[in-house]
């Protein structure tokens, strides 16, 4: 067998193996996506705002991977009590993307990160979980702009929803 013929056959064989590998990889990805869709929903984003010496909004919200939003308003908010609404699949995917865009995993655990405390300001707590990764960030004041923008993004997801009151036995 000539060297040229050998390399042509070797190249064609390798391309065939890679093609099979790619198809199997696509199948594996599809199975993984289906598994993610059948995984029980869990809280992907938790955010709360605490009391301050004034009229700060006090609430907590949990956004689940299936789009369910659980909201509990406590003070200085339009809805007091426990309410539920939904996000679309596209909105959940966009939220997941936003978590990565703002670099959530790179934020410090607490702001300010120098230990300065101003007692009359509210604290925003955000906890994010995606799969096995989880991170909690406390924002008292002085947080980076990207974290503040993420907080606003989450708040905007709460706007213009069809909220349903949740009874205390649910």
N, C-alpha and C. Protein backbone atom coordinates (compact mmCIF):
# COMPACT_ATOMS: atom_id res chain seq x y z
N UNK A 1 0.86 -1.17 0.00
CA UNK A 1 0.00 0.00 0.00
C UNK A 1 0.90 1.23 0.00
N UNK A 2 0.57 2.15 -0.85
CA UNK A 2 1.34 3.38 -0.94
C UNK A 2 1.04 4.26 0.26
N UNK A 3 1.99 5.10 0.63
CA UNK A 3 1.84 6.00 1.77
C UNK A 3 0.66 6.94 1.58
N UNK A 4 0.48 7.44 0.35
CA UNK A 4 -0.63 8.36 0.07
C UNK A 4 -1.97 7.68 0.29
N UNK A 5 -2.13 6.46 -0.18
CA UNK A 5 -3.37 5.70 -0.01
C UNK A 5 -3.61 5.43 1.47
N UNK A 6 -2.54 5.08 2.19
CA UNK A 6 -2.66 4.81 3.62
C UNK A 6 -3.21 6.03 4.37
N UNK A 7 -2.66 7.22 4.09
CA UNK A 7 -3.10 8.43 4.79
C UNK A 7 -4.52 8.81 4.43
N UNK A 8 -4.93 8.57 3.20
CA UNK A 8 -6.32 8.85 2.81
C UNK A 8 -7.26 7.94 3.58
N UNK A 9 -6.93 6.64 3.65
CA UNK A 9 -7.76 5.69 4.40
C UNK A 9 -7.78 6.02 5.88
N UNK A 10 -6.62 6.36 6.43
CA UNK A 10 -6.53 6.69 7.85
C UNK A 10 -7.37 7.93 8.16
N UNK A 11 -7.29 8.94 7.31
CA UNK A 11 -8.05 10.17 7.50
C UNK A 11 -9.55 9.90 7.42
N UNK A 12 -9.97 9.12 6.44
CA UNK A 12 -11.40 8.80 6.28
C UNK A 12 -11.90 8.00 7.48
N UNK A 13 -11.09 7.06 7.96
CA UNK A 13 -11.48 6.26 9.12
C UNK A 13 -11.64 7.14 10.35
N UNK A 14 -10.69 8.04 10.55
CA UNK A 14 -10.74 8.94 11.71
C UNK A 14 -11.97 9.83 11.63
N UNK A 15 -12.29 10.35 10.45
CA UNK A 15 -13.47 11.20 10.29
C UNK A 15 -14.74 10.42 10.59
N UNK A 16 -14.78 9.16 10.18
CA UNK A 16 -15.94 8.32 10.47
C UNK A 16 -16.11 8.10 11.96
N UNK A 17 -15.00 7.83 12.66
CA UNK A 17 -15.05 7.63 14.11
C UNK A 17 -15.48 8.91 14.81
N UNK A 18 -14.93 10.05 14.39
CA UNK A 18 -15.32 11.33 14.98
C UNK A 18 -16.79 11.61 14.75
N UNK A 19 -17.28 11.29 13.57
CA UNK A 19 -18.69 11.51 13.25
C UNK A 19 -19.58 10.69 14.17
N UNK A 20 -19.21 9.43 14.39
CA UNK A 20 -19.98 8.57 15.29
C UNK A 20 -19.91 9.14 16.70
N UNK A 21 -18.70 9.56 17.12
CA UNK A 21 -18.53 10.14 18.45
C UNK A 21 -19.38 11.39 18.63
N UNK A 22 -19.43 12.24 17.60
CA UNK A 22 -20.25 13.46 17.68
C UNK A 22 -21.71 13.11 17.81
N UNK A 23 -22.18 12.13 17.04
CA UNK A 23 -23.58 11.74 17.13
C UNK A 23 -23.89 11.18 18.51
N UNK A 24 -22.98 10.38 19.06
CA UNK A 24 -23.20 9.86 20.40
C UNK A 24 -23.17 10.99 21.42
N UNK A 25 -22.29 11.97 21.22
CA UNK A 25 -22.23 13.13 22.10
C UNK A 25 -23.53 13.91 22.06
N UNK A 26 -24.11 14.06 20.85
CA UNK A 26 -25.39 14.75 20.72
C UNK A 26 -26.48 13.99 21.45
N UNK A 27 -26.46 12.65 21.33
CA UNK A 27 -27.45 11.84 22.04
C UNK A 27 -27.28 11.99 23.54
N UNK A 28 -26.03 11.97 24.00
CA UNK A 28 -25.77 12.11 25.44
C UNK A 28 -26.27 13.46 25.92
N UNK A 29 -26.03 14.55 25.13
CA UNK A 29 -26.50 15.87 25.51
C UNK A 29 -28.03 15.90 25.58
N UNK A 30 -28.69 15.26 24.60
CA UNK A 30 -30.15 15.23 24.59
C UNK A 30 -30.67 14.48 25.81
N UNK A 31 -30.04 13.36 26.16
CA UNK A 31 -30.46 12.60 27.34
C UNK A 31 -30.24 13.43 28.59
N UNK A 32 -29.10 14.15 28.67
CA UNK A 32 -28.81 14.99 29.82
C UNK A 32 -29.86 16.10 29.94
N UNK A 33 -30.26 16.70 28.81
CA UNK A 33 -31.28 17.75 28.84
C UNK A 33 -32.61 17.19 29.30
N UNK A 34 -32.96 15.98 28.81
CA UNK A 34 -34.20 15.35 29.24
C UNK A 34 -34.16 15.06 30.73
N UNK A 35 -33.00 14.60 31.22
CA UNK A 35 -32.86 14.32 32.65
C UNK A 35 -33.04 15.60 33.46
N UNK A 36 -32.49 16.72 32.97
CA UNK A 36 -32.64 17.99 33.67
C UNK A 36 -34.10 18.40 33.71
N UNK A 37 -34.85 18.12 32.63
CA UNK A 37 -36.26 18.48 32.59
C UNK A 37 -37.08 17.60 33.54
N UNK A 38 -36.61 16.38 33.83
CA UNK A 38 -37.37 15.49 34.71
C UNK A 38 -36.91 15.59 36.16
N UNK A 39 -35.82 16.33 36.42
CA UNK A 39 -35.34 16.52 37.78
C UNK A 39 -36.39 17.31 38.57
N UNK A 40 -36.63 16.95 39.83
CA UNK A 40 -37.60 17.72 40.62
C UNK A 40 -37.18 19.18 40.70
N UNK A 41 -38.14 20.11 40.63
CA UNK A 41 -37.78 21.53 40.69
C UNK A 41 -37.14 21.87 42.04
N UNK A 42 -36.21 22.79 42.01
CA UNK A 42 -35.57 23.28 43.22
C UNK A 42 -35.44 24.79 43.11
N UNK A 43 -35.16 25.44 44.25
CA UNK A 43 -35.02 26.89 44.26
C UNK A 43 -33.71 27.26 43.57
N UNK A 44 -33.83 27.96 42.44
CA UNK A 44 -32.66 28.40 41.69
C UNK A 44 -32.17 29.75 42.22
N UNK A 45 -33.11 30.65 42.53
CA UNK A 45 -32.75 31.97 43.06
C UNK A 45 -33.64 32.29 44.25
N UNK A 46 -33.00 32.64 45.35
CA UNK A 46 -33.69 33.13 46.54
C UNK A 46 -33.19 34.55 46.75
N UNK A 47 -34.13 35.47 46.98
CA UNK A 47 -33.73 36.85 47.29
C UNK A 47 -34.64 37.39 48.37
N UNK A 48 -34.05 38.08 49.33
CA UNK A 48 -34.84 38.73 50.38
C UNK A 48 -34.29 40.12 50.63
N UNK A 49 -35.19 40.98 51.06
CA UNK A 49 -34.82 42.33 51.47
C UNK A 49 -35.31 42.49 52.91
N UNK A 50 -34.42 43.01 53.77
CA UNK A 50 -34.73 43.10 55.19
C UNK A 50 -35.24 44.48 55.59
N UNK A 51 -35.66 44.59 56.83
CA UNK A 51 -36.12 45.86 57.39
C UNK A 51 -34.98 46.86 57.47
N UNK A 52 -35.36 48.14 57.53
CA UNK A 52 -34.41 49.22 57.76
C UNK A 52 -35.09 50.21 58.69
N UNK A 53 -34.40 51.30 59.02
CA UNK A 53 -35.02 52.37 59.80
C UNK A 53 -35.71 53.31 58.82
N UNK A 54 -36.82 52.90 58.31
CA UNK A 54 -37.56 53.68 57.33
C UNK A 54 -38.62 52.83 56.67
N UNK A 55 -38.90 53.11 55.43
CA UNK A 55 -39.97 52.43 54.68
C UNK A 55 -39.41 51.52 53.59
N UNK A 56 -38.43 50.75 53.89
CA UNK A 56 -37.83 49.83 52.92
C UNK A 56 -38.78 48.67 52.64
N UNK A 57 -38.83 48.20 51.39
CA UNK A 57 -39.64 47.01 51.09
C UNK A 57 -39.03 45.78 51.77
N UNK A 58 -39.90 45.00 52.40
CA UNK A 58 -39.45 43.79 53.09
C UNK A 58 -40.20 42.61 52.49
N UNK A 59 -39.46 41.71 51.86
CA UNK A 59 -40.07 40.54 51.22
C UNK A 59 -39.02 39.48 51.00
N UNK A 60 -39.48 38.31 50.62
CA UNK A 60 -38.58 37.26 50.15
C UNK A 60 -39.23 36.55 48.99
N UNK A 61 -38.40 36.10 48.09
CA UNK A 61 -38.89 35.45 46.88
C UNK A 61 -38.01 34.26 46.56
N UNK A 62 -38.65 33.18 46.11
CA UNK A 62 -37.94 32.00 45.63
C UNK A 62 -38.38 31.73 44.21
N UNK A 63 -37.41 31.58 43.33
CA UNK A 63 -37.71 31.25 41.94
C UNK A 63 -37.19 29.85 41.68
N UNK A 64 -38.09 28.96 41.31
CA UNK A 64 -37.76 27.55 41.11
C UNK A 64 -37.36 27.29 39.66
N UNK A 65 -36.68 26.18 39.46
CA UNK A 65 -36.21 25.81 38.12
C UNK A 65 -37.36 25.54 37.16
N UNK A 66 -38.54 25.22 37.67
CA UNK A 66 -39.69 24.98 36.79
C UNK A 66 -40.47 26.26 36.49
N UNK A 67 -40.00 27.40 37.00
CA UNK A 67 -40.66 28.68 36.73
C UNK A 67 -41.58 29.15 37.84
N UNK A 68 -41.83 28.33 38.84
CA UNK A 68 -42.68 28.74 39.96
C UNK A 68 -41.99 29.85 40.74
N UNK A 69 -42.76 30.88 41.10
CA UNK A 69 -42.26 31.96 41.95
C UNK A 69 -43.09 31.95 43.23
N UNK A 70 -42.42 31.81 44.35
CA UNK A 70 -43.07 31.96 45.66
C UNK A 70 -42.62 33.29 46.24
N UNK A 71 -43.59 34.10 46.64
CA UNK A 71 -43.31 35.46 47.12
C UNK A 71 -44.00 35.63 48.45
N UNK A 72 -43.28 36.17 49.43
CA UNK A 72 -43.88 36.50 50.72
C UNK A 72 -43.55 37.95 51.02
N UNK A 73 -44.57 38.79 50.97
CA UNK A 73 -44.41 40.21 51.27
C UNK A 73 -44.70 40.46 52.73
N UNK A 74 -43.80 41.23 53.39
CA UNK A 74 -43.97 41.48 54.82
C UNK A 74 -44.30 42.93 55.15
N UNK A 75 -43.66 43.90 54.48
CA UNK A 75 -43.90 45.31 54.82
C UNK A 75 -43.49 46.19 53.65
N UNK A 76 -44.21 47.29 53.48
CA UNK A 76 -43.88 48.32 52.49
C UNK A 76 -43.79 47.79 51.06
N UNK A 77 -44.63 46.82 50.75
CA UNK A 77 -44.72 46.24 49.40
C UNK A 77 -46.19 46.20 48.98
N UNK A 78 -46.46 46.13 47.68
CA UNK A 78 -47.85 46.12 47.22
C UNK A 78 -48.65 44.89 47.67
N UNK A 79 -47.98 43.75 47.85
CA UNK A 79 -48.66 42.52 48.25
C UNK A 79 -48.10 42.05 49.59
N UNK A 80 -48.95 42.00 50.59
CA UNK A 80 -48.56 41.46 51.90
C UNK A 80 -49.13 40.05 51.98
N UNK A 81 -48.29 39.10 52.33
CA UNK A 81 -48.72 37.71 52.43
C UNK A 81 -47.97 36.83 51.45
N UNK A 82 -48.46 35.60 51.30
CA UNK A 82 -47.81 34.58 50.46
C UNK A 82 -48.55 34.50 49.13
N UNK A 83 -47.81 34.66 48.04
CA UNK A 83 -48.38 34.62 46.70
C UNK A 83 -47.52 33.75 45.79
N UNK A 84 -48.13 33.29 44.71
CA UNK A 84 -47.42 32.44 43.75
C UNK A 84 -47.73 32.91 42.33
N UNK A 85 -46.71 32.82 41.48
CA UNK A 85 -46.85 33.14 40.06
C UNK A 85 -45.90 32.23 39.29
N UNK A 86 -45.83 32.43 37.96
CA UNK A 86 -44.96 31.57 37.13
C UNK A 86 -44.15 32.40 36.15
N UNK A 87 -42.97 31.88 35.84
CA UNK A 87 -42.15 32.38 34.75
C UNK A 87 -42.26 31.37 33.61
N UNK A 88 -42.08 31.85 32.41
CA UNK A 88 -42.04 30.95 31.25
C UNK A 88 -40.70 30.22 31.24
N UNK A 89 -40.60 29.17 30.45
CA UNK A 89 -39.33 28.44 30.28
C UNK A 89 -38.25 29.38 29.75
N UNK A 90 -38.64 30.27 28.84
CA UNK A 90 -37.68 31.22 28.26
C UNK A 90 -37.16 32.19 29.34
N UNK A 91 -38.04 32.62 30.23
CA UNK A 91 -37.63 33.53 31.31
C UNK A 91 -36.69 32.83 32.30
N UNK A 92 -36.95 31.55 32.57
CA UNK A 92 -36.08 30.78 33.45
C UNK A 92 -34.70 30.63 32.81
N UNK A 93 -34.69 30.32 31.51
CA UNK A 93 -33.42 30.20 30.79
C UNK A 93 -32.67 31.52 30.77
N UNK A 94 -33.39 32.63 30.58
CA UNK A 94 -32.76 33.96 30.57
C UNK A 94 -32.20 34.29 31.96
N UNK A 95 -32.90 33.91 33.02
CA UNK A 95 -32.42 34.13 34.38
C UNK A 95 -31.12 33.35 34.61
N UNK A 96 -31.11 32.11 34.18
CA UNK A 96 -29.90 31.28 34.31
C UNK A 96 -28.73 31.94 33.56
N UNK A 97 -29.01 32.44 32.37
CA UNK A 97 -27.98 33.12 31.58
C UNK A 97 -27.50 34.39 32.28
N UNK A 98 -28.42 35.13 32.87
CA UNK A 98 -28.07 36.38 33.56
C UNK A 98 -27.14 36.10 34.75
N UNK A 99 -27.37 35.00 35.44
CA UNK A 99 -26.52 34.61 36.57
C UNK A 99 -25.07 34.50 36.11
N UNK A 100 -24.89 33.88 34.95
CA UNK A 100 -23.53 33.73 34.41
C UNK A 100 -22.99 35.05 33.87
N UNK A 101 -23.84 35.84 33.21
CA UNK A 101 -23.40 37.12 32.63
C UNK A 101 -22.86 38.08 33.68
N UNK A 102 -23.53 38.14 34.85
CA UNK A 102 -23.09 39.08 35.89
C UNK A 102 -21.91 38.55 36.68
N UNK A 103 -21.53 37.31 36.44
CA UNK A 103 -20.42 36.71 37.18
C UNK A 103 -20.76 36.43 38.63
N UNK A 104 -21.98 35.94 38.87
CA UNK A 104 -22.45 35.74 40.24
C UNK A 104 -21.49 34.90 41.07
N UNK A 105 -20.91 33.88 40.47
CA UNK A 105 -20.03 32.96 41.20
C UNK A 105 -18.76 33.66 41.68
N UNK A 106 -18.44 34.83 41.10
CA UNK A 106 -17.22 35.54 41.46
C UNK A 106 -17.43 36.62 42.53
N UNK A 107 -18.68 36.89 42.92
CA UNK A 107 -18.93 37.91 43.93
C UNK A 107 -18.38 37.46 45.28
N UNK A 108 -18.02 38.45 46.11
CA UNK A 108 -17.62 38.17 47.49
C UNK A 108 -18.85 37.66 48.25
N UNK A 109 -18.65 36.96 49.36
CA UNK A 109 -19.81 36.47 50.12
C UNK A 109 -20.62 37.59 50.78
N UNK A 110 -20.00 38.76 50.99
CA UNK A 110 -20.69 39.84 51.68
C UNK A 110 -20.13 41.18 51.22
N UNK A 111 -21.04 42.17 51.15
CA UNK A 111 -20.64 43.55 50.84
C UNK A 111 -21.23 44.45 51.90
N UNK A 112 -20.45 45.43 52.40
CA UNK A 112 -19.09 45.68 51.95
C UNK A 112 -18.16 44.57 52.43
N UNK A 113 -17.13 44.33 51.66
CA UNK A 113 -16.22 43.26 52.01
C UNK A 113 -15.09 43.72 52.93
N UNK A 114 -15.16 44.98 53.38
CA UNK A 114 -14.15 45.49 54.32
C UNK A 114 -14.65 45.47 55.76
N UNK A 115 -15.88 44.99 55.98
CA UNK A 115 -16.41 44.87 57.34
C UNK A 115 -17.17 46.09 57.84
N UNK A 116 -17.23 47.16 57.06
CA UNK A 116 -17.97 48.35 57.46
C UNK A 116 -19.45 48.01 57.61
N UNK A 117 -20.05 48.51 58.70
CA UNK A 117 -21.48 48.23 58.93
C UNK A 117 -22.22 49.55 59.14
N UNK A 118 -23.31 49.70 58.42
CA UNK A 118 -24.22 50.82 58.63
C UNK A 118 -25.55 50.19 59.03
N UNK A 119 -25.92 50.34 60.29
CA UNK A 119 -27.02 49.55 60.86
C UNK A 119 -28.41 49.91 60.34
N UNK A 120 -28.62 51.11 59.84
CA UNK A 120 -29.98 51.48 59.44
C UNK A 120 -30.29 51.17 57.98
N UNK A 121 -29.38 50.51 57.27
CA UNK A 121 -29.64 50.12 55.88
C UNK A 121 -30.16 48.69 55.81
N UNK A 122 -31.01 48.41 54.83
CA UNK A 122 -31.51 47.03 54.69
C UNK A 122 -30.41 46.12 54.12
N UNK A 123 -30.61 44.84 54.29
CA UNK A 123 -29.71 43.85 53.70
C UNK A 123 -30.47 43.09 52.63
N UNK A 124 -29.85 42.95 51.46
CA UNK A 124 -30.40 42.09 50.42
C UNK A 124 -29.58 40.81 50.45
N UNK A 125 -30.27 39.69 50.56
CA UNK A 125 -29.62 38.39 50.53
C UNK A 125 -30.02 37.71 49.24
N UNK A 126 -29.03 37.21 48.51
CA UNK A 126 -29.31 36.47 47.29
C UNK A 126 -28.56 35.15 47.36
N UNK A 127 -29.30 34.08 47.12
CA UNK A 127 -28.67 32.77 47.04
C UNK A 127 -29.05 32.16 45.70
N UNK A 128 -28.04 31.63 45.01
CA UNK A 128 -28.25 31.03 43.69
C UNK A 128 -27.78 29.60 43.74
N UNK A 129 -28.58 28.74 43.14
CA UNK A 129 -28.18 27.34 42.99
C UNK A 129 -28.43 26.92 41.55
N UNK A 130 -27.42 26.36 40.93
CA UNK A 130 -27.57 25.73 39.61
C UNK A 130 -26.88 24.38 39.71
N UNK A 131 -27.66 23.33 39.66
CA UNK A 131 -27.12 21.99 39.82
C UNK A 131 -26.50 21.84 41.19
N UNK A 132 -25.23 21.47 41.23
CA UNK A 132 -24.52 21.28 42.50
C UNK A 132 -23.84 22.54 43.00
N UNK A 133 -23.88 23.61 42.21
CA UNK A 133 -23.22 24.85 42.61
C UNK A 133 -24.20 25.74 43.36
N UNK A 134 -23.76 26.26 44.52
CA UNK A 134 -24.61 27.15 45.29
C UNK A 134 -23.75 28.25 45.90
N UNK A 135 -24.31 29.46 45.92
CA UNK A 135 -23.58 30.59 46.50
C UNK A 135 -24.58 31.57 47.09
N UNK A 136 -24.23 32.12 48.25
CA UNK A 136 -25.05 33.11 48.93
C UNK A 136 -24.24 34.40 49.06
N UNK A 137 -24.89 35.53 48.77
CA UNK A 137 -24.23 36.84 48.85
C UNK A 137 -25.12 37.78 49.67
N UNK A 138 -24.51 38.46 50.64
CA UNK A 138 -25.20 39.47 51.43
C UNK A 138 -24.78 40.84 50.93
N UNK A 139 -25.76 41.69 50.63
CA UNK A 139 -25.49 43.04 50.15
C UNK A 139 -26.08 44.03 51.15
N UNK A 140 -25.20 44.58 52.00
CA UNK A 140 -25.63 45.61 52.95
C UNK A 140 -25.50 46.99 52.32
N UNK A 141 -24.40 47.24 51.66
CA UNK A 141 -24.16 48.44 50.85
C UNK A 141 -22.81 48.29 50.19
N UNK A 142 -22.57 49.06 49.15
CA UNK A 142 -21.27 49.05 48.49
C UNK A 142 -21.01 47.86 47.59
N UNK A 143 -22.06 47.17 47.16
CA UNK A 143 -21.88 46.03 46.27
C UNK A 143 -21.52 46.50 44.87
N UNK A 144 -20.88 45.64 44.09
CA UNK A 144 -20.55 46.01 42.71
C UNK A 144 -21.81 46.27 41.88
N UNK A 145 -21.64 47.07 40.87
CA UNK A 145 -22.76 47.43 39.99
C UNK A 145 -23.45 46.19 39.41
N UNK A 146 -22.68 45.18 39.03
CA UNK A 146 -23.26 43.96 38.43
C UNK A 146 -24.20 43.26 39.40
N UNK A 147 -23.86 43.24 40.69
CA UNK A 147 -24.75 42.62 41.68
C UNK A 147 -26.03 43.44 41.83
N UNK A 148 -25.89 44.76 41.90
CA UNK A 148 -27.08 45.63 41.99
C UNK A 148 -27.98 45.44 40.77
N UNK A 149 -27.39 45.34 39.59
CA UNK A 149 -28.18 45.12 38.37
C UNK A 149 -28.89 43.78 38.41
N UNK A 150 -28.24 42.77 38.96
CA UNK A 150 -28.88 41.46 39.08
C UNK A 150 -30.07 41.53 40.04
N UNK A 151 -29.93 42.24 41.14
CA UNK A 151 -31.04 42.42 42.09
C UNK A 151 -32.24 43.08 41.39
N UNK A 152 -31.96 44.10 40.62
CA UNK A 152 -33.03 44.79 39.87
C UNK A 152 -33.65 43.84 38.84
N UNK A 153 -32.83 43.05 38.19
CA UNK A 153 -33.32 42.07 37.20
C UNK A 153 -34.31 41.11 37.86
N UNK A 154 -33.95 40.60 39.03
CA UNK A 154 -34.85 39.68 39.74
C UNK A 154 -36.14 40.39 40.13
N UNK A 155 -36.03 41.61 40.63
CA UNK A 155 -37.24 42.37 40.99
C UNK A 155 -38.15 42.59 39.78
N UNK A 156 -37.57 42.86 38.64
CA UNK A 156 -38.38 43.09 37.43
C UNK A 156 -39.11 41.82 36.99
N UNK A 157 -38.53 40.66 37.31
CA UNK A 157 -39.23 39.41 36.99
C UNK A 157 -40.53 39.27 37.78
N UNK A 158 -40.65 40.01 38.86
CA UNK A 158 -41.85 39.95 39.70
C UNK A 158 -42.98 40.85 39.18
N UNK A 159 -42.64 41.77 38.30
CA UNK A 159 -43.62 42.73 37.80
C UNK A 159 -44.56 42.09 36.78
N UNK A 160 -45.78 42.60 36.74
CA UNK A 160 -46.79 42.21 35.74
C UNK A 160 -47.03 40.70 35.69
N UNK A 161 -47.15 40.10 36.82
CA UNK A 161 -47.45 38.67 36.94
C UNK A 161 -48.88 38.49 37.41
N UNK A 162 -49.42 37.34 37.11
CA UNK A 162 -50.73 36.97 37.64
C UNK A 162 -50.46 36.26 38.96
N UNK A 163 -50.60 36.98 40.08
CA UNK A 163 -50.30 36.44 41.40
C UNK A 163 -51.53 35.77 41.99
N UNK A 164 -51.32 34.63 42.60
CA UNK A 164 -52.39 33.89 43.26
C UNK A 164 -52.03 33.79 44.74
N UNK A 165 -52.99 34.16 45.61
CA UNK A 165 -52.75 34.05 47.05
C UNK A 165 -52.63 32.57 47.41
N UNK A 166 -51.67 32.28 48.28
CA UNK A 166 -51.45 30.91 48.74
C UNK A 166 -51.99 30.81 50.16
N UNK A 167 -52.88 29.85 50.38
CA UNK A 167 -53.44 29.72 51.73
C UNK A 167 -52.38 29.17 52.68
N UNK A 168 -52.58 29.35 53.96
CA UNK A 168 -51.57 28.96 54.95
C UNK A 168 -51.38 27.45 55.04
N UNK A 169 -52.32 26.65 54.53
CA UNK A 169 -52.18 25.19 54.61
C UNK A 169 -51.47 24.60 53.38
N UNK A 170 -51.02 25.43 52.44
CA UNK A 170 -50.31 24.91 51.26
C UNK A 170 -48.83 24.92 51.47
